[in-house]
């Protein structure tokens, strides 16, 4: 199924939920809608499903204009944040319900489809139970199984893991890529979490305050964000941003703190004046954790060390401002402890005064004409 949006927008009264956007989804692809709350993700999903009608623009499926076509007339499956299952039906009956409604399969074929999908989601032992007898994670698997069993040409998932605990989220995330790849549907998956987008792969559309900022293969969008807005949206913890000033061969970050960028800046002959340097938390190094040589070291004091999942986030006070370092594993640091943070010139971004990315890690010049906001 080819899905194309042409200048689609959504406005209610004076409030714009989506500004005009163009988007083309490859048949059978996985697209992640990434953005904070109220970025426009759910509004876009509702338009794709046919639950809402765009204020402007057209939605085309295989070249046919389906703008305004109701959801019941579309081959769409949706999975929401909440566990939406029929409480009076068994798990097997829940999974089979869309197949029975379609009337296109006989009883034996439906039973086989239910068993196959339940096995893929590892809930085959629960087929005779009712949703109330299941855990939250098991109920969400039932909702996913019902959507997968439908074999819809378009599958829409609106933050389906947000209400699950950390362990269950990690478990289901690891399975999603395989589940979606084997289904044959075009999948659109909304999330606020950059790590989830990276894990799922495919394509990512970054949304912010109703604007589509960038769309492309997930790895490309992550490594080459076109603007500070996109880099912020695709970084968790937030990307470290430091005021910088272009000097011969590098950028000055503060008194006595100049980062030598060598050949990279030679490809930017017109670069001068005030810039913003960006570096992700995982790219900063504490000098006592690595023997890697860095071009610039900065004294720092530990303000906070917090453990989240399998990572430790170390908040530092430095002459450059507050920085966050991300380290894998559980690490103990004392408040007020003095450390040294190393900045690798091959790991930094540079943004011009308008916020457009002009330099990406190890990739040299990025044409500002390609940047967006």
Protein backbone atom coordinates (compact mmCIF):
# COMPACT_ATOMS: atom_id res chain seq x y z
CA UNK A 1 0.00 0.00 0.00
CA UNK A 2 1.36 3.41 -1.03
CA UNK A 3 0.34 6.16 1.37
CA UNK A 4 0.89 9.80 0.51
CA UNK A 5 -0.12 12.98 2.32
CA UNK A 6 -0.16 16.19 0.32
CA UNK A 7 -0.22 19.48 2.25
CA UNK A 8 -2.33 17.90 4.98
CA UNK A 9 -3.16 20.06 8.00
CA UNK A 10 -5.49 19.89 10.98
CA UNK A 11 -6.94 22.88 12.79
CA UNK A 12 -9.72 23.17 15.36
CA UNK A 13 -10.90 26.73 15.86
CA UNK A 14 -7.85 28.91 16.40
CA UNK A 15 -5.65 25.96 17.47
CA UNK A 16 -3.42 24.31 14.87
CA UNK A 17 -2.80 20.64 15.63
CA UNK A 18 -0.87 20.06 12.40
CA UNK A 19 0.62 22.54 10.00
CA UNK A 20 0.61 21.65 6.27
CA UNK A 21 2.89 18.68 5.65
CA UNK A 22 3.85 16.31 2.86
CA UNK A 23 4.70 12.70 3.66
CA UNK A 24 5.15 9.57 1.57
CA UNK A 25 5.32 6.16 3.24
CA UNK A 26 6.97 3.27 1.42
CA UNK A 27 4.74 0.18 1.09
CA UNK A 28 5.39 -2.26 3.93
CA UNK A 29 7.62 0.21 5.75
CA UNK A 30 7.81 1.12 9.44
CA UNK A 31 7.62 4.83 10.20
CA UNK A 32 8.09 6.19 13.71
CA UNK A 33 6.39 9.46 14.59
CA UNK A 34 8.76 10.98 17.15
CA UNK A 35 7.95 14.02 19.23
CA UNK A 36 7.00 15.32 22.65
CA UNK A 37 3.45 15.45 23.96
CA UNK A 38 1.27 17.70 21.76
CA UNK A 39 3.74 17.48 18.90
CA UNK A 40 0.93 16.34 16.58
CA UNK A 41 1.51 12.57 16.58
CA UNK A 42 -2.00 11.51 17.61
CA UNK A 43 -3.58 14.11 15.31
CA UNK A 44 -1.66 12.63 12.38
CA UNK A 45 -2.59 9.06 13.33
CA UNK A 46 -6.27 9.99 13.51
CA UNK A 47 -6.09 11.50 10.02
CA UNK A 48 -4.38 8.39 8.67
CA UNK A 49 -7.06 6.20 10.25
CA UNK A 50 -9.97 8.24 8.93
CA UNK A 51 -11.17 9.18 12.42
CA UNK A 52 -10.71 12.86 11.55
CA UNK A 53 -10.81 14.83 8.31
CA UNK A 54 -7.93 17.16 7.44
CA UNK A 55 -8.64 20.87 7.38
CA UNK A 56 -6.66 21.10 4.17
CA UNK A 57 -4.82 18.74 1.84
CA UNK A 58 -5.34 15.21 0.53
CA UNK A 59 -4.60 11.67 1.70
CA UNK A 60 -3.92 9.23 -1.12
CA UNK A 61 -3.82 5.43 -0.87
CA UNK A 62 -2.42 3.72 -3.96
CA UNK A 63 -3.13 6.93 -5.84
CA UNK A 64 -6.79 7.05 -4.74
CA UNK A 65 -8.01 10.05 -2.78
CA UNK A 66 -9.41 8.71 0.51
CA UNK A 67 -9.65 12.10 2.24
CA UNK A 68 -12.77 12.04 4.38
CA UNK A 69 -13.35 8.29 3.92
CA UNK A 70 -14.50 6.94 7.34
CA UNK A 71 -12.42 4.47 9.28
CA UNK A 72 -14.91 1.62 8.73
CA UNK A 73 -14.27 1.89 4.99
CA UNK A 74 -10.49 1.58 5.36
CA UNK A 75 -8.33 -1.48 5.95
CA UNK A 76 -6.74 -0.09 9.11
CA UNK A 77 -5.82 -1.59 12.48
CA UNK A 78 -5.06 0.56 15.53
CA UNK A 79 -3.43 -0.09 18.90
CA UNK A 80 -3.75 2.54 21.61
CA UNK A 81 -2.01 3.37 24.89
CA UNK A 82 -4.83 1.75 26.84
CA UNK A 83 -5.55 -1.96 26.83
CA UNK A 84 -8.65 -1.97 24.65
CA UNK A 85 -10.02 -5.51 24.76
CA UNK A 86 -13.56 -6.84 25.00
CA UNK A 87 -13.93 -7.92 28.66
CA UNK A 88 -16.72 -10.41 27.96
CA UNK A 89 -14.74 -12.27 25.28
CA UNK A 90 -11.91 -14.72 25.77
CA UNK A 91 -8.46 -13.93 24.43
CA UNK A 92 -9.12 -16.14 21.41
CA UNK A 93 -12.44 -14.41 20.75
CA UNK A 94 -10.82 -10.98 21.10
CA UNK A 95 -8.16 -11.83 18.54
CA UNK A 96 -10.71 -13.36 16.19
CA UNK A 97 -13.23 -10.49 16.42
CA UNK A 98 -12.03 -8.40 13.42
CA UNK A 99 -11.75 -11.53 11.28
CA UNK A 100 -15.34 -12.52 12.04
CA UNK A 101 -16.59 -9.01 11.31
CA UNK A 102 -14.92 -9.00 7.90
CA UNK A 103 -16.78 -12.18 6.91
CA UNK A 104 -13.99 -13.17 4.52
CA UNK A 105 -12.67 -16.23 6.39
CA UNK A 106 -14.29 -19.46 7.52
CA UNK A 107 -14.15 -20.69 11.12
CA UNK A 108 -11.21 -23.06 10.63
CA UNK A 109 -9.08 -20.40 8.91
CA UNK A 110 -9.87 -17.90 11.67
CA UNK A 111 -8.90 -20.43 14.36
CA UNK A 112 -5.60 -21.09 12.60
CA UNK A 113 -4.84 -17.38 12.25
CA UNK A 114 -5.59 -16.84 15.96
CA UNK A 115 -3.22 -19.66 16.96
CA UNK A 116 -0.45 -18.38 14.69
CA UNK A 117 -0.61 -14.81 15.97
CA UNK A 118 -0.95 -15.91 19.61
CA UNK A 119 2.14 -18.07 19.21
CA UNK A 120 4.14 -15.17 17.77
CA UNK A 121 3.19 -13.03 20.77
CA UNK A 122 3.64 -15.89 23.23
CA UNK A 123 0.07 -15.78 24.56
CA UNK A 124 -1.13 -19.11 23.16
CA UNK A 125 -1.51 -20.51 26.71
CA UNK A 126 -3.99 -17.71 27.55
CA UNK A 127 -6.43 -18.20 24.67
CA UNK A 128 -9.23 -19.48 26.92
CA UNK A 129 -8.81 -16.78 29.55
CA UNK A 130 -10.59 -13.43 29.85
CA UNK A 131 -8.73 -10.08 29.80
CA UNK A 132 -9.39 -9.44 33.50
CA UNK A 133 -7.37 -12.57 34.29
CA UNK A 134 -4.27 -11.21 32.54
CA UNK A 135 -1.50 -8.82 33.53
CA UNK A 136 -1.17 -5.44 31.85
CA UNK A 137 1.57 -6.69 29.57
CA UNK A 138 -0.46 -9.73 28.56
CA UNK A 139 -3.51 -7.57 27.85
CA UNK A 140 -1.46 -5.31 25.59
CA UNK A 141 -0.19 -8.39 23.75
CA UNK A 142 -3.82 -9.38 23.15
CA UNK A 143 -4.54 -5.94 21.70
CA UNK A 144 -1.47 -6.26 19.46
CA UNK A 145 -2.48 -9.77 18.43
CA UNK A 146 -5.93 -8.57 17.39
CA UNK A 147 -4.35 -5.87 15.22
CA UNK A 148 -1.83 -8.29 13.68
CA UNK A 149 -4.48 -10.93 13.02
CA UNK A 150 -6.47 -8.45 10.94
CA UNK A 151 -3.53 -8.21 8.50
CA UNK A 152 -4.57 -4.66 7.71
CA UNK A 153 -2.64 -2.86 5.01
CA UNK A 154 -2.08 0.00 7.49
CA UNK A 155 -1.31 -0.53 11.18
CA UNK A 156 -1.28 2.48 13.51
CA UNK A 157 0.17 2.35 17.03
CA UNK A 158 -0.22 5.31 19.39
CA UNK A 159 2.40 4.94 22.14
CA UNK A 160 1.32 1.35 22.80
CA UNK A 161 3.87 0.72 25.57
CA UNK A 162 3.57 3.92 27.58
CA UNK A 163 1.39 2.41 30.31
CA UNK A 164 3.57 -0.66 30.86
CA UNK A 165 6.34 -0.95 33.41
CA UNK A 166 9.98 -0.65 32.34
CA UNK A 167 10.68 -4.37 32.10
CA UNK A 168 7.61 -5.07 29.97
CA UNK A 169 8.35 -2.13 27.68
CA UNK A 170 11.87 -3.40 27.05
CA UNK A 171 10.61 -6.91 26.40
CA UNK A 172 7.99 -5.86 23.84
CA UNK A 173 10.27 -3.31 22.16
CA UNK A 174 12.77 -6.04 21.39
CA UNK A 175 10.05 -8.08 19.68
CA UNK A 176 8.37 -5.34 17.65
CA UNK A 177 10.78 -5.11 14.75
CA UNK A 178 10.42 -8.83 14.06
CA UNK A 179 6.65 -8.75 14.47
CA UNK A 180 6.19 -5.83 12.10
CA UNK A 181 8.64 -7.13 9.52
CA UNK A 182 6.76 -10.40 9.19
CA UNK A 183 3.29 -8.82 8.96
CA UNK A 184 3.43 -7.15 5.55
CA UNK A 185 1.58 -4.05 6.77
CA UNK A 186 2.68 -0.45 6.49
CA UNK A 187 3.23 0.47 10.14
CA UNK A 188 3.11 3.92 11.75
CA UNK A 189 4.26 3.98 15.38
CA UNK A 190 4.04 7.07 17.61
CA UNK A 191 6.44 7.57 20.52
CA UNK A 192 7.99 10.28 22.66
CA UNK A 193 11.16 8.24 23.20
CA UNK A 194 14.19 8.57 20.89
CA UNK A 195 15.57 5.24 22.10
CA UNK A 196 12.40 3.52 20.92
CA UNK A 197 12.73 5.09 17.47
CA UNK A 198 16.35 3.91 17.22
CA UNK A 199 15.46 0.40 18.31
CA UNK A 200 12.60 0.09 15.82
CA UNK A 201 14.66 1.46 12.93
CA UNK A 202 12.85 1.96 9.64
CA UNK A 203 12.00 5.60 9.00
CA UNK A 204 11.43 8.43 11.46
CA UNK A 205 9.31 11.57 11.11
CA UNK A 206 10.23 14.17 13.74
CA UNK A 207 7.28 16.33 14.81
CA UNK A 208 7.34 19.41 17.01
CA UNK A 209 4.41 21.69 17.87
CA UNK A 210 2.45 20.44 14.86
CA UNK A 211 5.30 20.79 12.34
CA UNK A 212 6.98 17.98 10.44
CA UNK A 213 10.65 18.91 10.85
CA UNK A 214 12.44 16.01 9.15
CA UNK A 215 11.65 12.62 7.65
CA UNK A 216 13.99 9.89 6.48
CA UNK A 217 15.73 6.64 7.46
CA UNK A 218 15.95 6.62 11.26
CA UNK A 219 19.74 6.37 11.44
CA UNK A 220 20.13 9.29 9.01
CA UNK A 221 17.77 11.53 10.95
CA UNK A 222 19.51 10.68 14.23
CA UNK A 223 23.05 11.24 12.95
CA UNK A 224 22.25 14.22 10.71
CA UNK A 225 19.49 16.31 12.32
CA UNK A 226 18.87 19.34 10.14
CA UNK A 227 18.41 21.74 13.04
CA UNK A 228 18.74 22.24 16.78
CA UNK A 229 15.01 21.58 17.14
CA UNK A 230 15.41 18.15 15.57
CA UNK A 231 18.55 17.34 17.55
CA UNK A 232 16.68 18.19 20.76
CA UNK A 233 13.69 16.05 19.79
CA UNK A 234 15.95 13.11 18.91
CA UNK A 235 18.12 13.15 22.03
CA UNK A 236 17.36 11.64 25.43
CA UNK A 237 18.81 12.95 27.67
CA UNK A 238 18.72 16.30 25.86
CA UNK A 239 21.69 17.12 23.65
CA UNK A 240 24.26 19.35 25.35
CA UNK A 241 24.32 22.79 23.72
CA UNK A 242 27.19 25.22 24.27
CA UNK A 243 27.64 28.74 22.84
CA UNK A 244 30.66 28.78 20.50
CA UNK A 245 32.55 31.26 18.37
CA UNK A 246 34.35 30.40 15.15
CA UNK A 247 38.11 30.93 15.26
CA UNK A 248 40.81 29.78 12.84
CA UNK A 249 40.85 25.97 12.86
CA UNK A 250 38.18 25.50 15.48
CA UNK A 251 35.64 27.00 17.85
CA UNK A 252 36.19 28.90 21.06
CA UNK A 253 33.92 27.72 23.87
CA UNK A 254 35.18 29.87 26.69
CA UNK A 255 38.29 31.50 28.14
CA UNK A 256 41.19 29.19 27.35
CA UNK A 257 38.83 26.55 25.92
CA UNK A 258 39.19 26.12 22.16
CA UNK A 259 38.19 22.93 20.34
CA UNK A 260 40.39 22.22 17.32
CA UNK A 261 38.27 20.94 14.43
CA UNK A 262 41.08 20.81 11.87
CA UNK A 263 40.10 19.83 8.34
CA UNK A 264 36.36 19.90 9.04
CA UNK A 265 36.27 23.68 9.18
CA UNK A 266 38.28 24.03 6.00
CA UNK A 267 35.14 22.90 4.16
CA UNK A 268 33.25 25.77 5.78
CA UNK A 269 35.06 28.80 4.38
CA UNK A 270 32.21 31.21 5.09
CA UNK A 271 31.66 30.05 8.67
CA UNK A 272 32.29 32.82 11.14
CA UNK A 273 30.88 34.44 14.21
CA UNK A 274 28.52 33.02 16.81
CA UNK A 275 27.59 29.32 16.64
CA UNK A 276 26.11 26.65 18.88
CA UNK A 277 28.06 23.47 19.57
CA UNK A 278 26.02 20.34 20.26
CA UNK A 279 27.23 17.05 21.70
CA UNK A 280 25.07 14.16 22.86
CA UNK A 281 25.39 12.94 26.43
CA UNK A 282 26.67 9.54 25.32
CA UNK A 283 29.50 11.15 23.34
CA UNK A 284 30.97 13.01 26.32
CA UNK A 285 33.62 11.08 28.26
CA UNK A 286 34.76 11.22 31.84
CA UNK A 287 38.51 10.97 31.67
CA UNK A 288 38.69 8.33 34.37
CA UNK A 289 36.52 5.98 32.30
CA UNK A 290 38.58 5.85 29.10
CA UNK A 291 42.13 6.04 27.84
CA UNK A 292 40.97 7.77 24.69
CA UNK A 293 42.81 11.01 23.98
CA UNK A 294 40.60 14.06 23.62
CA UNK A 295 41.52 17.39 22.09
CA UNK A 296 39.75 19.38 24.81
CA UNK A 297 39.32 18.61 28.50
CA UNK A 298 37.15 20.59 30.86
CA UNK A 299 37.21 20.48 34.70
CA UNK A 300 33.79 19.67 36.13
CA UNK A 301 31.97 19.10 39.40
CA UNK A 302 29.32 16.42 39.89
CA UNK A 303 25.93 17.98 40.64
CA UNK A 304 23.87 14.79 40.37
CA UNK A 305 24.32 11.17 39.35
CA UNK A 306 21.05 9.39 38.57
CA UNK A 307 20.54 5.79 37.51
CA UNK A 308 17.79 5.18 34.95
CA UNK A 309 17.31 1.67 33.64
CA UNK A 310 20.68 0.40 32.52
CA UNK A 311 22.35 3.84 32.28
CA UNK A 312 23.72 6.46 34.64
CA UNK A 313 23.20 10.16 33.87
CA UNK A 314 25.86 12.39 35.41
CA UNK A 315 25.01 16.08 35.66
CA UNK A 316 28.07 18.30 35.73
CA UNK A 317 28.78 21.95 36.50
CA UNK A 318 31.47 23.32 34.18
CA UNK A 319 32.82 26.60 32.81
CA UNK A 320 30.77 25.81 29.68
CA UNK A 321 27.54 25.57 31.67
CA UNK A 322 25.71 22.48 32.87
CA UNK A 323 26.49 19.28 30.93
CA UNK A 324 25.05 15.76 31.11
CA UNK A 325 27.17 12.65 30.55
CA UNK A 326 25.52 9.29 29.84
CA UNK A 327 27.38 6.14 30.89
CA UNK A 328 26.22 2.57 30.40
CA UNK A 329 25.80 0.64 33.64
CA UNK A 330 25.43 1.72 37.26
CA UNK A 331 28.09 4.16 38.44
CA UNK A 332 28.47 5.83 41.81
CA UNK A 333 29.80 9.38 42.01
CA UNK A 334 29.74 11.65 45.02
CA UNK A 335 28.03 15.01 44.87
CA UNK A 336 30.65 17.70 44.51
CA UNK A 337 33.25 15.23 43.23
CA UNK A 338 35.75 16.83 40.87
CA UNK A 339 36.12 15.12 37.49
CA UNK A 340 37.39 15.95 34.03
CA UNK A 341 35.14 15.69 30.98
CA UNK A 342 36.62 15.15 27.52
CA UNK A 343 35.13 16.54 24.31
CA UNK A 344 36.00 14.62 21.15
CA UNK A 345 36.05 16.92 18.09
CA UNK A 346 34.80 14.02 15.99
CA UNK A 347 31.59 13.83 18.04
CA UNK A 348 30.32 17.40 17.87
CA UNK A 349 27.67 19.20 15.85
CA UNK A 350 27.74 22.86 14.90
CA UNK A 351 24.61 24.93 14.34
CA UNK A 352 24.48 28.37 12.76
CA UNK A 353 22.76 31.38 14.39
CA UNK A 354 19.43 30.36 12.80
CA UNK A 355 19.71 26.87 14.34
CA UNK A 356 20.50 25.03 11.09
CA UNK A 357 23.06 22.23 11.31
CA UNK A 358 26.28 23.02 9.43
CA UNK A 359 28.62 20.33 10.78
CA UNK A 360 27.85 16.76 11.85
CA UNK A 361 30.19 14.30 13.61
CA UNK A 362 32.80 12.87 11.23
CA UNK A 363 30.77 13.93 8.21
CA UNK A 364 31.96 17.46 7.49
CA UNK A 365 29.90 20.11 5.76
CA UNK A 366 26.11 19.89 5.71
CA UNK A 367 24.43 22.23 3.23
CA UNK A 368 22.39 24.77 5.16
CA UNK A 369 19.99 24.95 2.20
CA UNK A 370 18.82 21.47 3.21
CA UNK A 371 18.13 22.54 6.78
CA UNK A 372 14.68 23.19 8.14
CA UNK A 373 14.16 25.60 10.98
